[in-house]
Structures are given as structure tokens and as C-alpha cells.
């Protein structure tokens, strides 16, 4: 008899993809009787709980499954260039704590990770008597996901080839998962939408430009972990502007928050956002051009991948002219069938998407070890 894997059942229930035995049987492609046996084992072990009654679909109303909240917690951390947003979640995915912390990744991996370890230690002090079970981490650069290493990150000097996962796992004595920040943002947004196995393109437009891809409900990382990296697509408007990757004319040189701020004589992306939202004509024109360039690059992605939605997050997503320019370029340049039902909007999870996605990575690690 085919066995329903414990980790997959826990993942589907804790992420909201399944709330009943019927849902699990459909998603796993197994007989309901097979699923029921394993679900009962998880109920007896205290890893799942059964509450209330779900909506009827023509027959008896199903009991609603949820992951049990007891038994420990995980931490999800989303690192930016100058800060970290870190959250703790119980095993049902309920958030226990979230806060922003100062952390400068330009100081190098050992200093930055030591700061992160201290942040984690502080959160552990806030949750006495509960067991810390795992850490998920999003980093603003390319990551070799299976190996937990940073690879060739142009905005993270000194990090290339560094074994982030192993350093943290040794220091914290828990399993650790490390991914690119755009991927964890995409995962967090997918979980927040909770609309089933969608195809999504989630673009993080902030100091840099990142893109995460969800294919049929699963993060698509590609052969080497760089799937969705639109930031280093060469665009004609970039001309010969040098990029940190070593090439010239990359999208990031003209459409990232850092490049835009510099082009209008500002020091920080936050200043750019403030002026754009106060209708400064020079800044507004600049962000419109940048949004159009991003939309032009994304039009190729949409035509090729045909997603349900293109979702924008990050600081630039708070600027309506930027979002409108992306949307306009997509509808102008994509095939009519590709945009017929395409949603182009600001991501709903906001600033919490990255820490949530990182927390989900950690939850998956913990559930996998229960098999």
C-alpha cells in the first residue's frame, strides 16, 4: 500500500494547501483510506489537530485539520542590505514574534551571521520553555540552495562561496535552510494568497531587483538556483553602464532603487520613495521610466511562463507611477492570451513576506525530520 509521507502531510496542512483528508488525498494522489491512517497517526502523536467542520461539497461536512501549535517553534529571517526582519512561528505557522533589527551585510559573512545569531538568541530568551527547532534565511544574492552557500553576490562583498547554512547550523545547533530573498518573498506571498497551486512571478523591487518564481505552488529554483534573476538581463537603455556582476547595461543599473536614487542625486531609496509619493516631477519621471524598463523585461517572462499573476513588492512597489508603468508595459508587450486573466498588482503580504517565507522553509525542514 502506498504510504502518505508525514512531512508532506504536515507541509500541506501547515501552509493551508489542505484542510481535510479529502484535500490531502487529492493533492497526494492517494486513496482517502491511506491518507486517513497516516492522519490518525499524526493526530495521536499530537502533530495535527482536528477542529470544527469545513464547508460541505455535496456530502458530509469534513472535519478541519490544522498543524498543532505546540512542540516548539522556528525562526524565519529576511536579510536586506542594512537590516533584518525576523519572525518566530509555532509549528502550525502562527506567528509568535516579529521585529526589525539592524544588520549590515557589507561587514562580511562572519560579522553579519554573528549578529544574526545574537538576534536569534534574543528571540529564544523571549520564548522560554519552548524548543527552538529550525531557522530559515533569505539573503539578497544568488544562493546555492542545496549547499546553503552564497554564489557570486555582487552586493555582498566577501560572501562568495561562504557556507552560510553550515556556519549557522553549527552555531545554533538546529537545521538551517538558506535561499535567495526573492524566493522566500515569493513563498511567503504564495502562502498569504492561499489560492491553491498557482503560477506566480513575484518581483522584489527595492535597493536591487529580485524575482521569485512559483510554479504550480512550488518555488522554482532552476538547475543552479538562479531561476527568475531578471536583474542582470541586458537592456538597451542601460547602455554601457557598468554593473556589479561584471557586465554592462543590466536592468539593475537603471531600474533598481539604488540606481534610481543615484540618478536623481539622492543617497537612499527611501528618499526616492518619499519624493515620488509627493509628486516630485523629476523623481516621478525617473520611476516611470524604470517601471517601463522592468515591465519590458517581465513581458518576456510572462509570454514564456504564462503566470496567474505578476506581484510587486519592495520599496518601489509603494510608488503608484512605478507600478502603473510596469502594468502598462506588460499589457502593451505581452500576447493577449498571456494577459487575458493576468493579475498585475502589489503583493499583499508586504514587508512580512520574506520572514514568513523563510519561516516556511524552516517548518518544512522540521516536518521532514519527523518522517
Protein backbone atom coordinates (compact mmCIF):
# COMPACT_ATOMS: atom_id res chain seq x y z
CA UNK A 1 0.00 0.00 0.00
CA UNK A 2 1.34 3.47 -0.89
CA UNK A 3 2.39 5.45 2.16
CA UNK A 4 1.41 9.07 2.71
CA UNK A 5 4.61 10.89 3.79
CA UNK A 6 4.40 12.58 7.17
CA UNK A 7 6.43 15.60 6.08
CA UNK A 8 4.26 16.27 3.05
CA UNK A 9 1.03 15.97 5.02
CA UNK A 10 2.34 18.37 7.66
CA UNK A 11 3.57 20.79 4.98
CA UNK A 12 0.25 20.81 3.11
CA UNK A 13 -1.75 21.36 6.29
CA UNK A 14 0.55 23.94 7.90
CA UNK A 15 0.74 26.03 4.69
CA UNK A 16 -3.04 25.96 4.22
CA UNK A 17 -2.91 23.99 0.97
CA UNK A 18 -5.02 21.23 2.56
CA UNK A 19 -7.53 21.38 5.39
CA UNK A 20 -9.18 17.94 5.21
CA UNK A 21 -8.43 14.30 4.45
CA UNK A 22 -10.18 14.76 1.10
CA UNK A 23 -7.86 17.64 0.19
CA UNK A 24 -4.83 15.57 1.17
CA UNK A 25 -5.95 12.53 -0.84
CA UNK A 26 -6.47 14.72 -3.93
CA UNK A 27 -3.15 16.55 -3.65
CA UNK A 28 -1.11 13.42 -2.81
CA UNK A 29 -2.85 11.21 -5.38
CA UNK A 30 -3.58 8.55 -2.76
CA UNK A 31 -6.68 6.72 -1.57
CA UNK A 32 -8.55 8.52 1.20
CA UNK A 33 -8.26 5.43 3.39
CA UNK A 34 -4.47 5.51 3.08
CA UNK A 35 -4.35 9.18 3.98
CA UNK A 36 -6.75 8.68 6.90
CA UNK A 37 -4.47 6.08 8.50
CA UNK A 38 -1.47 8.44 8.46
CA UNK A 39 -3.55 11.44 9.56
CA UNK A 40 -4.79 9.48 12.55
CA UNK A 41 -1.20 8.63 13.46
CA UNK A 42 -0.33 12.33 13.34
CA UNK A 43 -3.37 13.21 15.44
CA UNK A 44 -2.36 10.59 18.03
CA UNK A 45 1.20 11.95 18.04
CA UNK A 46 -0.06 15.49 18.67
CA UNK A 47 1.39 16.84 15.40
CA UNK A 48 -2.04 17.54 13.89
CA UNK A 49 -5.27 18.75 15.47
CA UNK A 50 -8.84 18.41 14.19
CA UNK A 51 -11.31 21.21 14.82
CA UNK A 52 -14.78 22.29 13.71
CA UNK A 53 -16.43 21.41 10.45
CA UNK A 54 -15.50 22.63 6.99
CA UNK A 55 -17.94 23.64 4.23
CA UNK A 56 -19.91 20.81 2.62
CA UNK A 57 -19.16 19.94 -1.01
CA UNK A 58 -22.29 17.89 -1.50
CA UNK A 59 -21.76 15.28 1.18
CA UNK A 60 -20.96 15.12 4.88
CA UNK A 61 -19.20 18.22 6.20
CA UNK A 62 -15.46 17.48 6.59
CA UNK A 63 -13.55 17.95 9.81
CA UNK A 64 -10.91 20.69 9.54
CA UNK A 65 -7.26 19.75 10.05
CA UNK A 66 -4.57 22.10 11.31
CA UNK A 67 -1.00 21.70 12.45
CA UNK A 68 -0.68 21.56 16.22
CA UNK A 69 0.91 24.69 17.61
CA UNK A 70 2.79 23.05 20.48
CA UNK A 71 6.10 21.26 20.32
CA UNK A 72 8.43 24.15 19.58
CA UNK A 73 8.97 26.96 17.10
CA UNK A 74 11.06 28.03 14.11
CA UNK A 75 12.55 31.37 13.11
CA UNK A 76 12.46 32.99 9.67
CA UNK A 77 14.89 35.81 8.83
CA UNK A 78 14.82 38.07 5.76
CA UNK A 79 18.08 39.99 5.37
CA UNK A 80 18.43 43.23 3.43
CA UNK A 81 21.50 45.35 2.85
CA UNK A 82 21.20 47.21 6.15
CA UNK A 83 18.54 45.41 8.17
CA UNK A 84 16.90 42.10 9.02
CA UNK A 85 13.22 41.33 9.56
CA UNK A 86 13.00 38.29 11.81
CA UNK A 87 9.94 36.34 12.98
CA UNK A 88 9.20 33.25 15.08
CA UNK A 89 6.41 30.78 14.24
CA UNK A 90 4.95 27.81 16.06
CA UNK A 91 4.55 24.51 14.20
CA UNK A 92 1.09 25.49 12.97
CA UNK A 93 2.57 28.55 11.27
CA UNK A 94 1.12 31.01 13.76
CA UNK A 95 3.45 33.97 14.30
CA UNK A 96 4.78 34.38 17.82
CA UNK A 97 7.13 37.33 17.32
CA UNK A 98 8.33 39.71 14.60
CA UNK A 99 10.66 42.72 14.62
CA UNK A 100 13.22 44.64 12.56
CA UNK A 101 16.89 44.65 13.51
CA UNK A 102 19.99 46.50 12.33
CA UNK A 103 22.35 44.26 10.36
CA UNK A 104 24.89 45.35 7.74
CA UNK A 105 25.74 42.58 5.26
CA UNK A 106 28.64 44.63 3.84
CA UNK A 107 30.62 43.85 7.00
CA UNK A 108 31.10 40.32 5.66
CA UNK A 109 29.62 36.92 6.45
CA UNK A 110 31.14 36.17 9.85
CA UNK A 111 30.25 39.53 11.38
CA UNK A 112 26.76 39.56 9.85
CA UNK A 113 25.97 35.97 10.82
CA UNK A 114 27.25 36.57 14.34
CA UNK A 115 24.80 39.48 14.56
CA UNK A 116 22.01 37.23 13.28
CA UNK A 117 22.92 34.53 15.81
CA UNK A 118 22.70 37.15 18.58
CA UNK A 119 19.26 38.21 17.30
CA UNK A 120 18.13 34.58 17.34
CA UNK A 121 19.46 34.19 20.87
CA UNK A 122 17.45 37.23 21.95
CA UNK A 123 14.26 35.76 20.47
CA UNK A 124 14.93 32.49 22.27
CA UNK A 125 15.05 34.45 25.53
CA UNK A 126 11.60 35.87 24.68
CA UNK A 127 10.15 32.35 24.31
CA UNK A 128 11.37 30.49 27.42
CA UNK A 129 10.31 26.90 27.86
CA UNK A 130 9.74 26.37 24.13
CA UNK A 131 12.14 24.44 21.93
CA UNK A 132 13.83 26.21 19.01
CA UNK A 133 13.70 23.73 16.12
CA UNK A 134 14.98 25.39 12.95
CA UNK A 135 15.95 28.52 11.04
CA UNK A 136 15.08 29.70 7.53
CA UNK A 137 17.05 32.55 5.96
CA UNK A 138 16.65 34.74 2.88
CA UNK A 139 19.73 36.55 1.52
CA UNK A 140 19.88 39.37 -1.09
CA UNK A 141 22.04 37.47 -3.58
CA UNK A 142 22.32 34.21 -5.52
CA UNK A 143 22.26 31.14 -3.27
CA UNK A 144 23.17 27.54 -3.97
CA UNK A 145 20.12 26.16 -2.18
CA UNK A 146 21.19 22.50 -1.75
CA UNK A 147 24.60 23.56 -0.44
CA UNK A 148 23.44 26.57 1.57
CA UNK A 149 26.17 28.78 0.06
CA UNK A 150 26.20 32.27 -1.43
CA UNK A 151 27.42 32.31 -5.04
CA UNK A 152 28.67 35.46 -6.79
CA UNK A 153 26.61 38.08 -4.95
CA UNK A 154 27.50 41.49 -6.38
CA UNK A 155 26.06 43.41 -3.40
CA UNK A 156 27.54 41.10 -0.73
CA UNK A 157 31.33 41.58 -0.78
CA UNK A 158 33.23 38.74 0.85
CA UNK A 159 30.29 36.30 0.81
CA UNK A 160 31.09 34.34 -2.37
CA UNK A 161 31.29 30.62 -1.65
CA UNK A 162 30.64 31.10 2.06
CA UNK A 163 28.86 28.17 3.75
CA UNK A 164 26.11 30.15 5.46
CA UNK A 165 23.94 27.14 6.27
CA UNK A 166 26.76 25.13 7.87
CA UNK A 167 28.03 28.10 9.90
CA UNK A 168 24.59 28.80 11.35
CA UNK A 169 23.67 25.14 11.88
CA UNK A 170 26.88 24.59 13.84
CA UNK A 171 26.48 27.74 15.91
CA UNK A 172 22.74 27.38 16.62
CA UNK A 173 22.59 23.56 16.72
CA UNK A 174 19.39 23.39 14.64
CA UNK A 175 18.72 22.59 10.95
CA UNK A 176 19.02 25.64 8.69
CA UNK A 177 17.71 26.40 5.18
CA UNK A 178 19.17 29.30 3.15
CA UNK A 179 17.66 30.75 -0.03
CA UNK A 180 17.63 33.88 -2.16
CA UNK A 181 15.45 36.64 -0.68
CA UNK A 182 13.21 36.85 -3.75
CA UNK A 183 12.41 33.14 -3.43
CA UNK A 184 11.42 33.42 0.22
CA UNK A 185 9.32 36.51 -0.54
CA UNK A 186 7.56 34.57 -3.32
CA UNK A 187 6.94 31.65 -0.95
CA UNK A 188 5.53 33.96 1.72
CA UNK A 189 3.27 35.70 -0.77
CA UNK A 190 2.02 32.37 -2.18
CA UNK A 191 1.15 31.23 1.35
CA UNK A 192 -0.64 34.52 2.11
CA UNK A 193 -2.76 34.34 -1.07
CA UNK A 194 -3.79 30.75 -0.30
CA UNK A 195 -5.45 30.25 -3.70
CA UNK A 196 -4.16 26.78 -4.49
CA UNK A 197 -1.29 25.72 -6.79
CA UNK A 198 -0.85 28.98 -8.72
CA UNK A 199 1.90 30.09 -11.11
CA UNK A 200 3.33 33.36 -9.77
CA UNK A 201 6.10 35.82 -10.66
CA UNK A 202 6.96 37.87 -7.56
CA UNK A 203 9.29 40.83 -8.11
CA UNK A 204 11.12 42.44 -5.21
CA UNK A 205 11.92 45.98 -6.34
CA UNK A 206 13.91 47.74 -3.67
CA UNK A 207 17.57 48.71 -3.43
CA UNK A 208 18.10 45.95 -6.02
CA UNK A 209 15.77 43.97 -8.27
CA UNK A 210 14.97 40.32 -7.50
CA UNK A 211 12.41 37.89 -8.84
CA UNK A 212 11.00 34.67 -7.40
CA UNK A 213 9.01 32.14 -9.42
CA UNK A 214 6.28 29.86 -8.07
CA UNK A 215 5.40 27.04 -10.49
CA UNK A 216 2.25 25.12 -9.61
CA UNK A 217 2.61 26.06 -5.97
CA UNK A 218 6.32 25.22 -5.65
CA UNK A 219 9.35 27.54 -5.67
CA UNK A 220 11.16 27.03 -8.99
CA UNK A 221 14.90 27.49 -8.46
CA UNK A 222 16.26 26.09 -11.72
CA UNK A 223 19.34 23.95 -12.25
CA UNK A 224 21.74 26.22 -10.33
CA UNK A 225 19.41 28.25 -8.15
CA UNK A 226 19.22 31.42 -10.24
CA UNK A 227 15.83 30.95 -11.88
CA UNK A 228 13.98 34.27 -12.15
CA UNK A 229 17.05 36.51 -11.96
CA UNK A 230 15.89 39.36 -14.19
CA UNK A 231 18.23 41.92 -12.61
CA UNK A 232 21.11 41.09 -14.95
CA UNK A 233 19.17 40.99 -18.21
CA UNK A 234 20.83 43.48 -20.53
CA UNK A 235 18.57 46.33 -21.70
CA UNK A 236 19.30 48.88 -24.39
CA UNK A 237 18.58 51.82 -22.08
CA UNK A 238 21.40 50.60 -19.84
CA UNK A 239 23.97 51.40 -22.49
CA UNK A 240 27.49 50.87 -21.18
CA UNK A 241 26.71 51.48 -17.51
CA UNK A 242 28.88 49.01 -15.53
CA UNK A 243 27.12 46.52 -13.27
CA UNK A 244 28.45 44.77 -10.18
CA UNK A 245 28.11 41.43 -11.98
CA UNK A 246 30.90 42.45 -14.37
CA UNK A 247 28.71 43.16 -17.41
CA UNK A 248 27.30 46.46 -18.63
CA UNK A 249 23.77 47.70 -19.23
CA UNK A 250 21.99 45.31 -16.86
CA UNK A 251 18.41 46.10 -15.80
CA UNK A 252 19.63 46.68 -12.24
CA UNK A 253 21.83 49.60 -13.39
CA UNK A 254 18.77 51.64 -14.36
CA UNK A 255 15.71 50.15 -12.61
CA UNK A 256 16.86 49.36 -9.06
CA UNK A 257 16.17 51.70 -6.18
CA UNK A 258 19.89 52.32 -5.68
CA UNK A 259 20.43 53.23 -9.34
CA UNK A 260 17.34 55.46 -9.44
CA UNK A 261 18.30 57.29 -6.27
CA UNK A 262 21.78 57.94 -7.63
CA UNK A 263 20.41 59.14 -10.97
CA UNK A 264 18.43 61.93 -9.28
CA UNK A 265 21.10 62.83 -6.73
CA UNK A 266 19.67 61.04 -3.69
CA UNK A 267 21.50 58.89 -1.15
CA UNK A 268 18.83 56.33 -0.31
CA UNK A 269 15.89 54.52 -1.90
CA UNK A 270 13.68 55.67 0.98
CA UNK A 271 14.28 59.30 -0.04
CA UNK A 272 13.31 58.42 -3.61
CA UNK A 273 10.03 56.85 -2.47
CA UNK A 274 9.16 59.88 -0.33
CA UNK A 275 9.74 62.35 -3.17
CA UNK A 276 7.90 60.20 -5.72
CA UNK A 277 4.87 59.91 -3.43
CA UNK A 278 4.94 63.69 -3.04
CA UNK A 279 4.77 64.06 -6.85
CA UNK A 280 8.27 65.45 -7.39
CA UNK A 281 8.30 65.75 -11.20
CA UNK A 282 11.91 64.71 -11.75
CA UNK A 283 11.70 61.68 -9.49
CA UNK A 284 8.27 60.65 -10.82
CA UNK A 285 9.55 60.72 -14.40
CA UNK A 286 12.56 58.61 -13.38
CA UNK A 287 10.48 55.94 -11.64
CA UNK A 288 8.06 55.78 -14.57
CA UNK A 289 10.95 55.08 -16.94
CA UNK A 290 12.31 52.45 -14.59
CA UNK A 291 8.91 50.77 -14.25
CA UNK A 292 8.60 50.67 -18.01
CA UNK A 293 12.02 49.03 -18.35
CA UNK A 294 11.15 46.43 -15.72
CA UNK A 295 7.83 45.74 -17.42
CA UNK A 296 9.59 45.29 -20.76
CA UNK A 297 11.87 42.61 -19.31
CA UNK A 298 8.98 40.94 -17.46
CA UNK A 299 6.94 40.78 -20.67
CA UNK A 300 9.29 38.09 -21.95
CA UNK A 301 8.85 36.20 -18.68
CA UNK A 302 5.05 36.45 -18.89
CA UNK A 303 4.91 35.33 -22.52
CA UNK A 304 7.17 32.37 -21.74
CA UNK A 305 5.81 31.31 -18.35
CA UNK A 306 2.14 32.44 -18.56
CA UNK A 307 1.65 33.04 -14.81
CA UNK A 308 -1.60 33.75 -12.99
CA UNK A 309 -0.11 36.92 -11.50
CA UNK A 310 2.87 39.28 -11.50
CA UNK A 311 3.17 40.68 -7.99
CA UNK A 312 5.39 43.60 -6.99
CA UNK A 313 6.88 44.08 -3.55
CA UNK A 314 9.74 46.08 -2.05
CA UNK A 315 10.07 49.83 -1.57
CA UNK A 316 9.46 50.76 -5.22
CA UNK A 317 6.14 48.90 -5.13
CA UNK A 318 4.91 51.68 -2.82
CA UNK A 319 5.14 54.14 -5.74
CA UNK A 320 1.96 54.02 -7.81
CA UNK A 321 3.51 55.51 -11.01
CA UNK A 322 6.16 52.77 -10.91
CA UNK A 323 3.53 50.02 -10.55
CA UNK A 324 1.38 51.59 -13.28
CA UNK A 325 4.36 51.73 -15.66
CA UNK A 326 5.14 48.04 -15.08
CA UNK A 327 1.49 47.12 -15.66
CA UNK A 328 1.26 49.25 -18.79
CA UNK A 329 4.38 47.73 -20.35
CA UNK A 330 3.14 44.20 -19.66
CA UNK A 331 -0.27 44.76 -21.23
CA UNK A 332 1.29 46.55 -24.19
CA UNK A 333 4.00 43.99 -24.96
CA UNK A 334 2.56 40.59 -23.96
CA UNK A 335 0.42 38.28 -26.04
CA UNK A 336 -3.32 38.89 -25.47
CA UNK A 337 -3.83 35.32 -24.23
CA UNK A 338 -1.00 35.74 -21.71
CA UNK A 339 -2.64 38.83 -20.18
CA UNK A 340 -6.28 37.80 -20.60
CA UNK A 341 -6.59 36.84 -16.92
CA UNK A 342 -3.24 38.16 -15.68
CA UNK A 343 -3.19 39.95 -12.34
CA UNK A 344 -0.57 42.69 -12.04
CA UNK A 345 -0.63 44.17 -8.57
CA UNK A 346 1.23 44.94 -5.37
CA UNK A 347 1.86 41.82 -3.26
CA UNK A 348 -0.49 41.53 -0.30
CA UNK A 349 1.95 40.16 2.30
CA UNK A 350 4.01 43.35 2.26
CA UNK A 351 7.14 43.59 4.40
CA UNK A 352 6.29 40.34 6.20
CA UNK A 353 6.50 38.12 3.11
CA UNK A 354 10.24 37.42 3.40
CA UNK A 355 10.30 36.43 7.06
CA UNK A 356 7.16 34.33 6.52
CA UNK A 357 8.66 32.54 3.52
CA UNK A 358 11.88 31.89 5.44
CA UNK A 359 9.83 30.55 8.33
CA UNK A 360 8.01 28.19 5.96
CA UNK A 361 11.39 26.87 4.75
CA UNK A 362 12.29 26.12 8.37
CA UNK A 363 8.90 24.47 9.01
CA UNK A 364 9.44 22.21 6.01
CA UNK A 365 12.84 21.19 7.41
CA UNK A 366 11.33 20.35 10.78
CA UNK A 367 8.42 18.40 9.29
CA UNK A 368 10.80 16.48 7.01
CA UNK A 369 12.74 15.26 10.02
CA UNK A 370 9.58 13.82 11.54
CA UNK A 371 9.28 11.19 8.77
